[in-house]
Amino acid sequence: MLSYNRYSDNELANLLTKDDHAAYTEIYHRYSRLLYLHAYKRLKDREQARDVVQDLFTVLWNNRSEFKLKFFMECYRYIYGKP
């Protein structure tokens, strides 16, 4: 079995566009907790924060063939004010 935790974000993004469910799972494991913490910080509600993260990953999977890591990271930086 491949060890997806060794892949870079770019490699995972490329695999995701090819319907690789294991790549999606690795992305989820890498980022779901961080996204949840950011959502909770803004919303102050655990259930809503969980829903936001779930919705985000549902959209990600449903649009995986069009996924662009650069665009995703630009959105992340815009939302969270990162340079």
Foldseek 3Di string as FASTA:
>chain_A
DDDLLPDDPVVLLVVLLVVDVVSLVNVCVVPLVVQLVVQCVVPVDNVVSNVVSVVVSVVCNVCSNVDDVVVVVVVVCVVVVND
